[in-house]
Amino acid sequence: MIVLEKSMYSTWSTRTTCRKHQDHCLRPQQAKMNTRAIFAVMLAIVVNGAAIYYYSQREMTLQIESPKLRPQISQNGNQTSEESSSGQHDQPHLKDDNRTETVMSSKSCHPRSKFVFIKTHKTGSCTAVNIFQRYAISHHLSVLMPTGGNLLSWPFPPAEEDYVHTPDEQYDVLLSHMVYNKTWLQTKFPANTAYISIIRNPSSHLRSAMNYYHLPKLLKIKSKNPVETFLQDPWKYKDLSEAYFDFCNVTWDGTRNFLSFDLGYPTEGAEDKERARRYISELEADFTLVLLLEHLDESLVLLRRLMCWEMLDVLYDVAPKNSRNYSYKKYVPTAEELANLRRWKAVDYLLYDTFNASLWRKIAAQGPDFYEELHYFREVKKRVSEFCHRMMEKRECKKNCQHQQPLVIKASKWSRQFEADSMHCRGTIYGESQHWKNIRERASVKDKTEWKVMKVASNLRRIVHGLPTLKYKSQGRGIKGKMNSSW
């Protein structure tokens, strides 16, 4: 601006001098004046533009929270102490490859209604599957249903009699426990299907599996803290921890690379690092998103954006589903024990580190308003969850909640106005089996008399002998009875 004013003053002086002298000096001086003025204006525009760009970039940088400095956050929003100081699981390594992320504009994207959710074990998948079940029900999607329970022929590829067939053999959604099998899934779902799963920190996953599957009995560990005992020397228990399923020629180990096994990596490849890297790289290319239990809220906000869903679709009940208490649940391994665990579960740690980095890379690609939406999501989730629990606890709601006034969530930058009514509340609080019952009742199948779901029961003694640990029997006119293994 100062340069421009000086140029204008020089122009006025030149014009005064020309009036005192002959008229022939006017034209050259005026041409010179015009050149200076134009140059000054252009210079001012460049300087101002540079300043605007600098401050806009500085503001954007300040708004984006660096993932490298992010502490590990649990599902309830508290920082977890385990391995947080080392940052081993929260280092995103955003520049470790040349991968690029695609950002879909909410104005141009269309909701994705074909998806496969590979339900892994002991990863918070019951909370996650509730979201996908509700979406499938509310949008009348065709679900590929197991013949028995919610378990789809684990741990081998499903046979024709293992799932319920629709009249047209077309499916929109899969929501079951199964070992990821890309070849088989591609025969049932179109190329534009979104593939989603969920994993968790391998250390906390071991503790959960130890408790749920009674692995100390299998390992013959009698100490009060079986995880501590096991981590002192995991290789000592290798012959006990491996279970061989001879009927399908599959080896499974509940203490070693369980997450990777659910996603299709064989137990025999535990020591083959190069094979593991190649396979996990393929998984990263195959999957639209792998949720992390430790960062569930961030994962779900990202899911909403990638799937172009509504805010209401990804809300969940803050009360944990299938949560259990046991004496070693919060045990924090020593540095030496963690080192042993990282070697023992090397493939699972590579899997977790890869998708942890992938999550933060995808989030960074979303731009600075992602964290604004995350804050909004957490507020709405808390309000809706508290409202639903108050509603469901009312005496008159025991039989019928339809006359209860819904909670209205006003429109925002990230969501249209919506109502959390009794149907939504029941949907978020219902357990997985209740939703499966609803899905089966609505399903369009070739003949509902063709199948009958039997009770699914666990049997620890069958683990010890390497036999199927969960079983079901399918009966009916069109399906032969069959024993099947699941987890």
Protein backbone atom coordinates (compact mmCIF):
# COMPACT_ATOMS: atom_id res chain seq x y z
CA MET A 1 0.00 0.00 0.00
CA ILE A 2 2.90 2.35 0.80
CA VAL A 3 4.48 1.69 -2.58
CA LEU A 4 1.23 2.54 -4.31
CA GLU A 5 0.88 5.91 -2.50
CA LYS A 6 4.47 6.88 -3.35
CA SER A 7 3.88 6.15 -6.98
CA MET A 8 0.78 8.33 -7.00
CA TYR A 9 2.75 11.25 -5.44
CA SER A 10 5.46 10.92 -8.12
CA THR A 11 2.83 11.04 -10.82
CA TRP A 12 1.37 14.31 -9.46
CA SER A 13 4.86 15.97 -9.38
CA THR A 14 5.59 14.95 -12.95
CA ARG A 15 2.34 16.39 -14.20
CA THR A 16 3.07 19.79 -12.48
CA THR A 17 6.51 20.04 -14.12
CA CYS A 18 5.09 19.30 -17.53
CA ARG A 19 2.55 22.07 -17.28
CA LYS A 20 5.39 24.61 -16.66
CA HIS A 21 7.34 23.43 -19.73
CA GLN A 22 6.34 22.73 -23.24
CA ASP A 23 3.52 20.30 -23.98
CA HIS A 24 5.85 17.76 -25.68
CA CYS A 25 7.09 16.42 -22.28
CA LEU A 26 3.59 15.38 -21.17
CA ARG A 27 3.20 12.21 -23.18
CA PRO A 28 6.53 10.50 -22.30
CA GLN A 29 6.15 11.39 -18.64
CA GLN A 30 2.56 10.12 -18.55
CA ALA A 31 3.62 6.86 -20.17
CA LYS A 32 6.34 6.50 -17.57
CA MET A 33 3.81 7.25 -14.84
CA ASN A 34 1.42 4.59 -16.13
CA THR A 35 4.18 1.99 -16.20
CA ARG A 36 5.18 2.73 -12.59
CA ALA A 37 1.58 2.66 -11.39
CA ILE A 38 0.89 -0.67 -13.03
CA PHE A 39 4.10 -2.12 -11.59
CA ALA A 40 3.21 -0.85 -8.10
CA VAL A 41 -0.30 -2.32 -8.23
CA MET A 42 1.01 -5.70 -9.36
CA LEU A 43 3.65 -5.72 -6.63
CA ALA A 44 1.04 -4.92 -3.98
CA ILE A 45 -1.21 -7.74 -5.19
CA VAL A 46 1.67 -10.25 -5.05
CA VAL A 47 2.72 -9.18 -1.53
CA ASN A 48 -0.84 -9.28 -0.18
CA GLY A 49 -1.51 -12.68 -1.80
CA ALA A 50 1.64 -14.14 -0.29
CA ALA A 51 0.65 -12.87 3.15
CA ILE A 52 -2.84 -14.36 2.89
CA TYR A 53 -1.46 -17.74 1.79
CA TYR A 54 1.13 -17.78 4.62
CA TYR A 55 -1.38 -17.09 7.39
CA SER A 56 -3.97 -19.50 5.99
CA GLN A 57 -1.41 -22.31 5.94
CA ARG A 58 -0.24 -21.41 9.44
CA GLU A 59 -3.82 -21.48 10.75
CA MET A 60 -4.47 -24.83 9.08
CA THR A 61 -1.30 -26.31 10.58
CA LEU A 62 -2.32 -25.19 14.04
CA GLN A 63 -5.77 -26.74 13.66
CA ILE A 64 -4.52 -30.17 12.58
CA GLU A 65 -3.56 -32.27 15.57
CA SER A 66 -0.47 -34.31 14.82
CA PRO A 67 -1.13 -38.06 15.14
CA LYS A 68 2.45 -38.63 16.24
CA LEU A 69 1.77 -36.76 19.46
CA ARG A 70 -1.58 -38.45 20.02
CA PRO A 71 -1.84 -40.63 23.14
CA GLN A 72 -3.56 -43.97 22.86
CA ILE A 73 -7.20 -43.41 23.78
CA SER A 74 -9.49 -46.11 25.04
CA GLN A 75 -13.11 -46.55 24.02
CA ASN A 76 -14.33 -44.51 26.97
CA GLY A 77 -11.98 -41.64 26.15
CA ASN A 78 -9.28 -42.34 28.76
CA GLN A 79 -5.61 -42.61 27.92
CA THR A 80 -4.30 -46.14 28.19
CA SER A 81 -1.08 -46.62 30.10
CA GLU A 82 0.15 -49.73 28.33
CA GLU A 83 2.89 -48.98 25.79
CA SER A 84 1.76 -45.33 25.65
CA SER A 85 5.12 -44.02 26.77
CA SER A 86 6.96 -45.82 24.01
CA GLY A 87 4.46 -44.76 21.39
CA GLN A 88 4.99 -48.04 19.58
CA HIS A 89 1.38 -48.33 18.48
CA ASP A 90 0.57 -44.73 17.85
CA GLN A 91 3.39 -43.83 15.50
CA PRO A 92 1.57 -43.38 12.22
CA HIS A 93 4.64 -43.26 9.94
CA LEU A 94 2.65 -41.19 7.46
CA LYS A 95 5.56 -41.08 5.00
CA ASP A 96 6.43 -44.77 5.07
CA ASP A 97 5.11 -45.36 1.54
CA ASN A 98 3.59 -43.65 -1.45
CA ARG A 99 -0.01 -44.47 -0.61
CA THR A 100 -2.55 -41.76 -1.22
CA GLU A 101 -5.98 -41.46 0.33
CA THR A 102 -9.15 -40.50 -1.49
CA VAL A 103 -11.38 -37.96 0.24
CA MET A 104 -15.05 -38.18 -0.66
CA SER A 105 -17.09 -35.00 -0.56
CA SER A 106 -20.35 -35.34 1.36
CA LYS A 107 -22.02 -33.23 -1.32
CA SER A 108 -21.12 -35.63 -4.12
CA CYS A 109 -20.88 -39.07 -2.51
CA HIS A 110 -23.63 -41.66 -2.32
CA PRO A 111 -24.21 -44.00 0.67
CA ARG A 112 -22.49 -47.35 0.23
CA SER A 113 -24.89 -50.21 0.90
CA LYS A 114 -22.73 -53.21 0.02
CA PHE A 115 -20.21 -54.13 2.67
CA VAL A 116 -18.50 -57.10 4.30
CA PHE A 117 -17.69 -56.84 7.99
CA ILE A 118 -15.20 -59.50 9.04
CA LYS A 119 -16.08 -59.95 12.70
CA THR A 120 -12.86 -60.75 14.54
CA HIS A 121 -12.72 -62.27 18.02
CA LYS A 122 -12.33 -60.35 21.30
CA THR A 123 -11.83 -56.99 19.58
CA GLY A 124 -14.96 -55.06 20.53
CA SER A 125 -16.60 -56.45 17.41
CA CYS A 126 -19.94 -56.87 19.21
CA THR A 127 -20.15 -53.09 19.59
CA ALA A 128 -19.14 -52.56 15.97
CA VAL A 129 -21.44 -55.21 14.50
CA ASN A 130 -24.42 -53.56 16.21
CA ILE A 131 -23.88 -50.55 13.94
CA PHE A 132 -23.76 -52.69 10.81
CA GLN A 133 -26.75 -54.81 11.84
CA ARG A 134 -28.86 -51.69 12.42
CA TYR A 135 -27.86 -50.28 9.05
CA ALA A 136 -28.71 -53.52 7.26
CA ILE A 137 -32.12 -53.71 8.97
CA SER A 138 -33.10 -50.06 8.50
CA HIS A 139 -32.09 -50.09 4.82
CA HIS A 140 -33.63 -53.50 4.06
CA LEU A 141 -30.37 -55.02 2.86
CA SER A 142 -29.89 -58.67 1.98
CA VAL A 143 -27.61 -60.30 4.57
CA LEU A 144 -25.63 -63.45 3.88
CA MET A 145 -26.67 -65.42 6.96
CA PRO A 146 -24.96 -68.47 8.45
CA THR A 147 -27.16 -71.55 8.75
CA GLY A 148 -26.42 -71.63 12.45
CA GLY A 149 -26.05 -68.69 14.82
CA ASN A 150 -23.73 -65.89 13.72
CA LEU A 151 -20.75 -68.08 12.88
CA LEU A 152 -19.90 -68.69 9.24
CA SER A 153 -17.91 -71.89 8.83
CA TRP A 154 -14.89 -70.83 10.87
CA PRO A 155 -12.04 -71.60 10.18
CA PHE A 156 -12.42 -72.81 6.59
CA PRO A 157 -14.25 -71.46 3.51
CA PRO A 158 -18.03 -71.92 3.75
CA ALA A 159 -19.72 -74.73 1.89
CA GLU A 160 -23.10 -74.35 0.20
CA GLU A 161 -24.93 -75.82 3.19
CA ASP A 162 -23.26 -73.42 5.64
CA TYR A 163 -25.30 -70.35 4.72
CA VAL A 164 -28.91 -69.50 3.90
CA HIS A 165 -29.51 -68.91 0.21
CA THR A 166 -31.62 -66.07 -1.16
CA PRO A 167 -33.87 -66.69 -4.18
CA ASP A 168 -31.56 -64.74 -6.51
CA GLU A 169 -28.29 -65.62 -4.73
CA GLN A 170 -27.58 -61.89 -4.38
CA TYR A 171 -26.25 -60.41 -1.13
CA ASP A 172 -25.53 -56.91 0.12
CA VAL A 173 -23.95 -57.53 3.51
CA LEU A 174 -21.95 -60.04 5.54
CA LEU A 175 -21.68 -59.58 9.32
CA SER A 176 -20.34 -62.86 10.67
CA HIS A 177 -17.34 -64.43 12.32
CA MET A 178 -15.38 -66.03 9.51
CA VAL A 179 -11.78 -66.31 8.40
CA TYR A 180 -11.27 -63.71 5.68
CA ASN A 181 -11.18 -65.48 2.35
CA LYS A 182 -10.88 -63.06 -0.54
CA THR A 183 -11.43 -65.66 -3.25
CA TRP A 184 -14.68 -66.97 -1.77
CA LEU A 185 -16.06 -63.53 -0.90
CA GLN A 186 -15.49 -62.25 -4.43
CA THR A 187 -17.85 -64.96 -5.69
CA LYS A 188 -20.65 -63.62 -3.46
CA PHE A 189 -20.16 -59.84 -3.50
CA PRO A 190 -19.61 -57.32 -6.32
CA ALA A 191 -16.37 -55.44 -6.92
CA ASN A 192 -17.66 -52.21 -5.33
CA THR A 193 -18.18 -53.88 -1.94
CA ALA A 194 -16.56 -52.16 1.04
CA TYR A 195 -14.48 -54.46 3.27
CA ILE A 196 -14.32 -53.54 6.95
CA SER A 197 -12.98 -55.19 10.09
CA ILE A 198 -11.80 -54.31 13.61
CA ILE A 199 -8.64 -55.14 15.56
CA ARG A 200 -7.07 -54.12 18.85
CA ASN A 201 -3.73 -53.86 20.64
CA PRO A 202 -2.24 -57.40 20.62
CA SER A 203 -1.33 -57.21 24.31
CA SER A 204 -4.84 -56.42 25.56
CA HIS A 205 -6.18 -58.90 23.01
CA LEU A 206 -4.11 -61.67 24.61
CA ARG A 207 -5.53 -60.88 28.06
CA SER A 208 -9.09 -60.92 26.75
CA ALA A 209 -8.58 -64.21 24.89
CA MET A 210 -6.88 -65.78 27.91
CA ASN A 211 -9.92 -65.06 30.03
CA TYR A 212 -12.73 -65.74 27.56
CA TYR A 213 -11.42 -69.03 26.16
CA HIS A 214 -10.04 -70.28 29.50
CA LEU A 215 -6.63 -70.63 27.91
CA PRO A 216 -4.79 -71.02 31.24
CA LYS A 217 -6.51 -74.43 31.56
CA LEU A 218 -5.35 -75.36 28.08
CA LEU A 219 -1.81 -74.18 28.90
CA LYS A 220 -1.88 -75.79 32.35
CA ILE A 221 -1.02 -72.47 34.02
CA LYS A 222 -2.30 -72.24 37.59
CA SER A 223 -0.89 -68.86 38.70
CA LYS A 224 -3.11 -65.94 39.68
CA ASN A 225 -1.78 -63.95 36.74
CA PRO A 226 -1.51 -66.39 33.83
CA VAL A 227 -0.59 -63.61 31.38
CA GLU A 228 2.47 -62.67 33.42
CA THR A 229 3.50 -66.31 33.67
CA PHE A 230 2.96 -66.93 29.97
CA LEU A 231 4.89 -63.85 28.83
CA GLN A 232 8.00 -64.88 30.71
CA ASP A 233 8.52 -67.57 28.06
CA PRO A 234 5.70 -67.98 25.48
CA TRP A 235 7.68 -70.56 23.45
CA LYS A 236 7.54 -72.90 26.45
CA TYR A 237 3.80 -73.38 25.85
CA LYS A 238 3.84 -73.76 22.06
CA ASP A 239 2.91 -77.46 22.05
CA LEU A 240 -0.04 -76.75 24.34
CA SER A 241 -1.29 -73.53 22.77
CA GLU A 242 -1.63 -74.88 19.23
CA ALA A 243 -4.84 -76.70 18.32
CA TYR A 244 -5.02 -78.74 15.14
CA PHE A 245 -8.39 -79.13 13.40
CA ASP A 246 -7.80 -82.35 11.48
CA PHE A 247 -11.16 -82.29 9.70
CA CYS A 248 -10.10 -79.15 7.77
CA ASN A 249 -6.30 -79.35 8.15
CA VAL A 250 -6.04 -76.03 10.00
CA THR A 251 -3.82 -75.14 12.97
CA TRP A 252 -4.95 -72.40 15.31
CA ASP A 253 -3.22 -70.77 18.29
CA GLY A 254 -5.29 -68.59 20.59
CA THR A 255 -2.18 -66.97 22.07
CA ARG A 256 -0.32 -66.24 18.84
CA ASN A 257 -1.38 -64.03 15.92
CA PHE A 258 -5.09 -64.63 16.55
CA LEU A 259 -6.00 -61.33 14.85
CA SER A 260 -4.04 -62.19 11.72
CA PHE A 261 -5.55 -65.67 11.65
CA ASP A 262 -9.08 -64.21 11.58
CA LEU A 263 -7.99 -62.07 8.64
CA GLY A 264 -6.75 -65.09 6.73
CA TYR A 265 -3.07 -65.46 7.66
CA PRO A 266 -2.10 -69.09 8.47
CA THR A 267 -0.62 -70.06 11.81
CA GLU A 268 2.26 -71.84 10.05
CA GLY A 269 3.52 -68.48 8.75
CA ALA A 270 4.30 -67.07 12.21
CA GLU A 271 8.07 -67.04 11.60
CA ASP A 272 7.98 -65.91 7.95
CA LYS A 273 8.32 -62.13 8.18
CA GLU A 274 8.47 -61.48 4.44
CA ARG A 275 5.33 -63.54 3.82
CA ALA A 276 3.56 -61.65 6.60
CA ARG A 277 4.56 -58.27 5.12
CA ARG A 278 3.27 -59.22 1.69
CA TYR A 279 -0.01 -60.54 3.04
CA ILE A 280 -0.70 -57.54 5.28
CA SER A 281 0.11 -55.21 2.39
CA GLU A 282 -2.57 -57.06 0.39
CA LEU A 283 -5.02 -56.66 3.26
CA GLU A 284 -4.36 -52.93 3.36
CA ALA A 285 -5.22 -52.76 -0.33
CA ASP A 286 -8.32 -54.95 0.06
CA PHE A 287 -9.94 -53.26 3.05
CA THR A 288 -11.75 -49.95 2.90
CA LEU A 289 -11.18 -49.47 6.63
CA VAL A 290 -9.99 -51.47 9.62
CA LEU A 291 -11.34 -50.00 12.85
CA LEU A 292 -9.13 -49.82 15.95
CA LEU A 293 -10.79 -50.53 19.29
CA GLU A 294 -8.43 -48.11 21.06
CA HIS A 295 -9.56 -45.35 18.68
CA LEU A 296 -13.12 -46.44 18.07
CA ASP A 297 -14.64 -42.95 17.88
CA GLU A 298 -12.06 -41.75 15.36
CA SER A 299 -12.60 -44.94 13.38
CA LEU A 300 -16.38 -44.49 13.27
CA VAL A 301 -16.26 -40.84 12.23
CA LEU A 302 -13.92 -41.87 9.43
CA LEU A 303 -16.24 -44.77 8.58
CA ARG A 304 -19.18 -42.38 8.30
CA ARG A 305 -17.26 -40.23 5.85
CA LEU A 306 -15.90 -43.09 3.76
CA MET A 307 -19.30 -44.81 3.56
CA CYS A 308 -21.22 -41.54 3.14
CA TRP A 309 -23.58 -42.51 5.98
CA GLU A 310 -25.58 -40.35 8.38
CA MET A 311 -24.41 -39.46 11.89
CA LEU A 312 -27.30 -41.49 13.33
CA ASP A 313 -26.02 -44.60 11.55
CA VAL A 314 -22.70 -44.76 13.44
CA LEU A 315 -23.86 -43.88 16.95
CA TYR A 316 -23.41 -46.64 19.51
CA ASP A 317 -24.33 -47.36 23.11
CA VAL A 318 -21.58 -46.19 25.46
CA ALA A 319 -22.26 -49.14 27.78
CA PRO A 320 -19.75 -51.81 26.66
CA LYS A 321 -21.19 -55.02 25.24
CA ASN A 322 -19.91 -58.37 26.53
CA SER A 323 -17.49 -56.64 28.90
CA ARG A 324 -16.02 -58.93 31.56
CA ASN A 325 -13.97 -58.36 34.67
CA TYR A 326 -11.07 -60.57 35.70
CA SER A 327 -8.07 -60.14 37.96
CA TYR A 328 -5.42 -59.58 35.26
CA LYS A 329 -7.55 -57.44 32.93
CA LYS A 330 -5.52 -54.27 33.56
CA TYR A 331 -2.16 -55.93 33.96
CA VAL A 332 0.62 -53.91 32.30
CA PRO A 333 3.47 -56.15 31.09
CA THR A 334 7.06 -55.22 31.84
CA ALA A 335 9.38 -54.08 29.07
CA GLU A 336 10.93 -57.56 28.90
CA GLU A 337 7.51 -59.22 28.74
CA LEU A 338 6.40 -56.86 25.97
CA ALA A 339 9.55 -57.66 24.03
CA ASN A 340 8.75 -61.37 24.31
CA LEU A 341 5.17 -60.72 23.25
CA ARG A 342 6.27 -58.69 20.23
CA ARG A 343 8.42 -61.58 19.05
CA TRP A 344 5.73 -64.17 19.83
CA LYS A 345 2.91 -62.23 18.14
CA ALA A 346 5.10 -60.58 15.50
CA VAL A 347 2.51 -60.89 12.74
CA ASP A 348 -0.27 -59.42 14.88
CA TYR A 349 1.94 -56.48 15.84
CA LEU A 350 2.82 -55.88 12.20
CA LEU A 351 -0.89 -56.01 11.38
CA TYR A 352 -1.77 -53.58 14.16
CA ASP A 353 1.05 -51.15 13.40
CA THR A 354 0.14 -51.16 9.70
CA PHE A 355 -3.53 -50.36 10.22
CA ASN A 356 -2.77 -47.90 12.99
CA ALA A 357 -0.63 -45.96 10.50
CA SER A 358 -3.32 -46.38 7.85
CA LEU A 359 -6.00 -44.97 10.17
CA TRP A 360 -4.07 -41.77 10.90
CA ARG A 361 -3.07 -41.36 7.27
CA LYS A 362 -6.73 -41.54 6.21
CA ILE A 363 -7.71 -39.11 8.97
CA ALA A 364 -4.99 -36.64 7.94
CA ALA A 365 -6.37 -36.72 4.40
CA GLN A 366 -9.78 -35.62 5.69
CA GLY A 367 -8.59 -32.14 6.65
CA PRO A 368 -8.75 -30.10 9.89
CA ASP A 369 -12.53 -30.25 10.31
CA PHE A 370 -12.29 -33.97 11.09
CA TYR A 371 -11.52 -33.24 14.74
CA GLU A 372 -14.40 -30.79 14.93
CA GLU A 373 -16.73 -33.56 13.78
CA LEU A 374 -15.11 -35.98 16.21
CA HIS A 375 -15.88 -33.62 19.10
CA TYR A 376 -19.46 -33.22 17.87
CA PHE A 377 -19.85 -37.00 17.45
CA ARG A 378 -18.77 -37.66 21.03
CA GLU A 379 -21.18 -35.08 22.41
CA VAL A 380 -24.11 -36.45 20.41
CA LYS A 381 -23.20 -40.05 21.25
CA LYS A 382 -23.20 -39.25 24.97
CA ARG A 383 -26.52 -37.36 24.82
CA VAL A 384 -28.29 -40.04 22.81
CA SER A 385 -26.91 -42.91 24.88
CA GLU A 386 -27.95 -41.31 28.18
CA PHE A 387 -31.39 -40.50 26.75
CA CYS A 388 -31.89 -44.07 25.55
CA HIS A 389 -30.96 -45.61 28.88
CA ARG A 390 -33.33 -43.27 30.73
CA MET A 391 -36.11 -44.16 28.31
CA MET A 392 -35.55 -47.91 28.48
CA GLU A 393 -35.48 -47.85 32.28
CA LYS A 394 -38.98 -46.38 32.49
CA ARG A 395 -41.64 -48.80 33.67
CA GLU A 396 -44.00 -48.03 30.79
CA CYS A 397 -41.19 -48.85 28.36
CA LYS A 398 -40.99 -52.46 29.44
CA LYS A 399 -43.88 -53.29 27.10
CA ASN A 400 -44.18 -50.37 24.70
CA CYS A 401 -42.01 -47.29 24.20
CA GLN A 402 -43.65 -46.00 21.06
CA HIS A 403 -45.42 -43.17 22.85
CA GLN A 404 -42.22 -41.80 24.40
CA GLN A 405 -41.09 -38.43 23.07
CA PRO A 406 -37.92 -38.76 20.96
CA LEU A 407 -34.73 -36.78 21.45
CA VAL A 408 -34.32 -34.27 18.63
CA ILE A 409 -30.76 -33.56 17.48
CA LYS A 410 -30.73 -30.35 15.47
CA ALA A 411 -28.98 -30.09 12.13
CA SER A 412 -25.27 -29.32 12.14
CA LYS A 413 -22.40 -29.00 9.71
CA TRP A 414 -22.02 -32.78 9.76
CA SER A 415 -25.57 -34.01 10.09
CA ARG A 416 -29.12 -33.35 9.13
CA GLN A 417 -31.65 -33.02 11.96
CA PHE A 418 -32.65 -36.43 13.27
CA GLU A 419 -34.62 -38.02 16.09
CA ALA A 420 -33.41 -40.66 18.51
CA ASP A 421 -36.67 -42.50 19.10
CA SER A 422 -37.60 -45.73 20.87
CA MET A 423 -36.73 -47.81 17.80
CA HIS A 424 -33.22 -46.35 17.65
CA CYS A 425 -32.74 -46.81 21.39
CA ARG A 426 -33.77 -50.45 21.29
CA GLY A 427 -31.50 -50.95 18.31
CA THR A 428 -28.39 -49.62 20.03
CA ILE A 429 -29.05 -51.46 23.30
CA TYR A 430 -30.13 -54.78 21.78
CA GLY A 431 -27.56 -57.54 21.74
CA GLU A 432 -26.23 -59.21 18.62
CA SER A 433 -28.48 -62.28 18.87
CA GLN A 434 -31.62 -60.13 19.04
CA HIS A 435 -30.64 -58.37 15.82
CA TRP A 436 -29.88 -61.69 14.15
CA LYS A 437 -33.38 -62.87 15.05
CA ASN A 438 -34.78 -59.72 13.45
CA ILE A 439 -32.66 -60.17 10.33
CA ARG A 440 -33.72 -63.80 9.94
CA GLU A 441 -37.40 -62.95 10.32
CA ARG A 442 -37.16 -60.33 7.58
CA ALA A 443 -35.00 -62.38 5.25
CA SER A 444 -36.14 -63.46 1.84
CA VAL A 445 -34.96 -67.07 1.45
CA LYS A 446 -35.73 -69.88 -0.91
CA ASP A 447 -37.64 -71.82 1.73
CA LYS A 448 -37.63 -70.98 5.43
CA THR A 449 -38.50 -74.60 6.25
CA GLU A 450 -35.14 -75.64 4.82
CA TRP A 451 -33.20 -74.66 7.89
CA LYS A 452 -33.47 -74.63 11.63
CA VAL A 453 -30.91 -73.00 13.89
CA MET A 454 -29.75 -75.14 16.77
CA LYS A 455 -28.17 -73.93 20.00
CA VAL A 456 -24.52 -72.97 19.73
CA ALA A 457 -22.50 -74.27 22.68
CA SER A 458 -18.87 -73.94 23.70
CA ASN A 459 -16.83 -76.91 24.87
CA LEU A 460 -13.39 -76.26 26.34
CA ARG A 461 -12.47 -79.95 26.39
CA ARG A 462 -12.75 -80.03 22.62
CA ILE A 463 -10.05 -77.35 22.40
CA VAL A 464 -7.64 -79.51 24.38
CA HIS A 465 -8.09 -82.32 21.89
CA GLY A 466 -7.99 -80.03 18.86
CA LEU A 467 -11.67 -80.51 18.01
CA PRO A 468 -14.29 -77.91 17.04
CA THR A 469 -14.90 -75.63 19.98
CA LEU A 470 -18.31 -74.34 19.01
CA LYS A 471 -20.82 -76.44 17.13
CA TYR A 472 -24.14 -76.24 15.45
CA LYS A 473 -26.32 -78.56 13.45
CA SER A 474 -28.36 -77.52 10.45
CA GLN A 475 -31.47 -79.54 9.78
CA GLY A 476 -34.29 -79.58 7.25
CA ARG A 477 -35.52 -80.87 3.95
CA GLY A 478 -33.01 -79.17 1.71
CA ILE A 479 -29.90 -79.15 3.92
CA LYS A 480 -27.99 -82.15 5.19
CA GLY A 481 -27.01 -82.16 8.84
CA LYS A 482 -23.41 -81.13 9.38
CA MET A 483 -21.11 -80.49 12.30
CA ASN A 484 -19.27 -77.24 11.87
CA SER A 485 -16.48 -75.49 13.69
CA SER A 486 -16.65 -71.88 14.78
CA TRP A 487 -15.25 -69.63 17.45
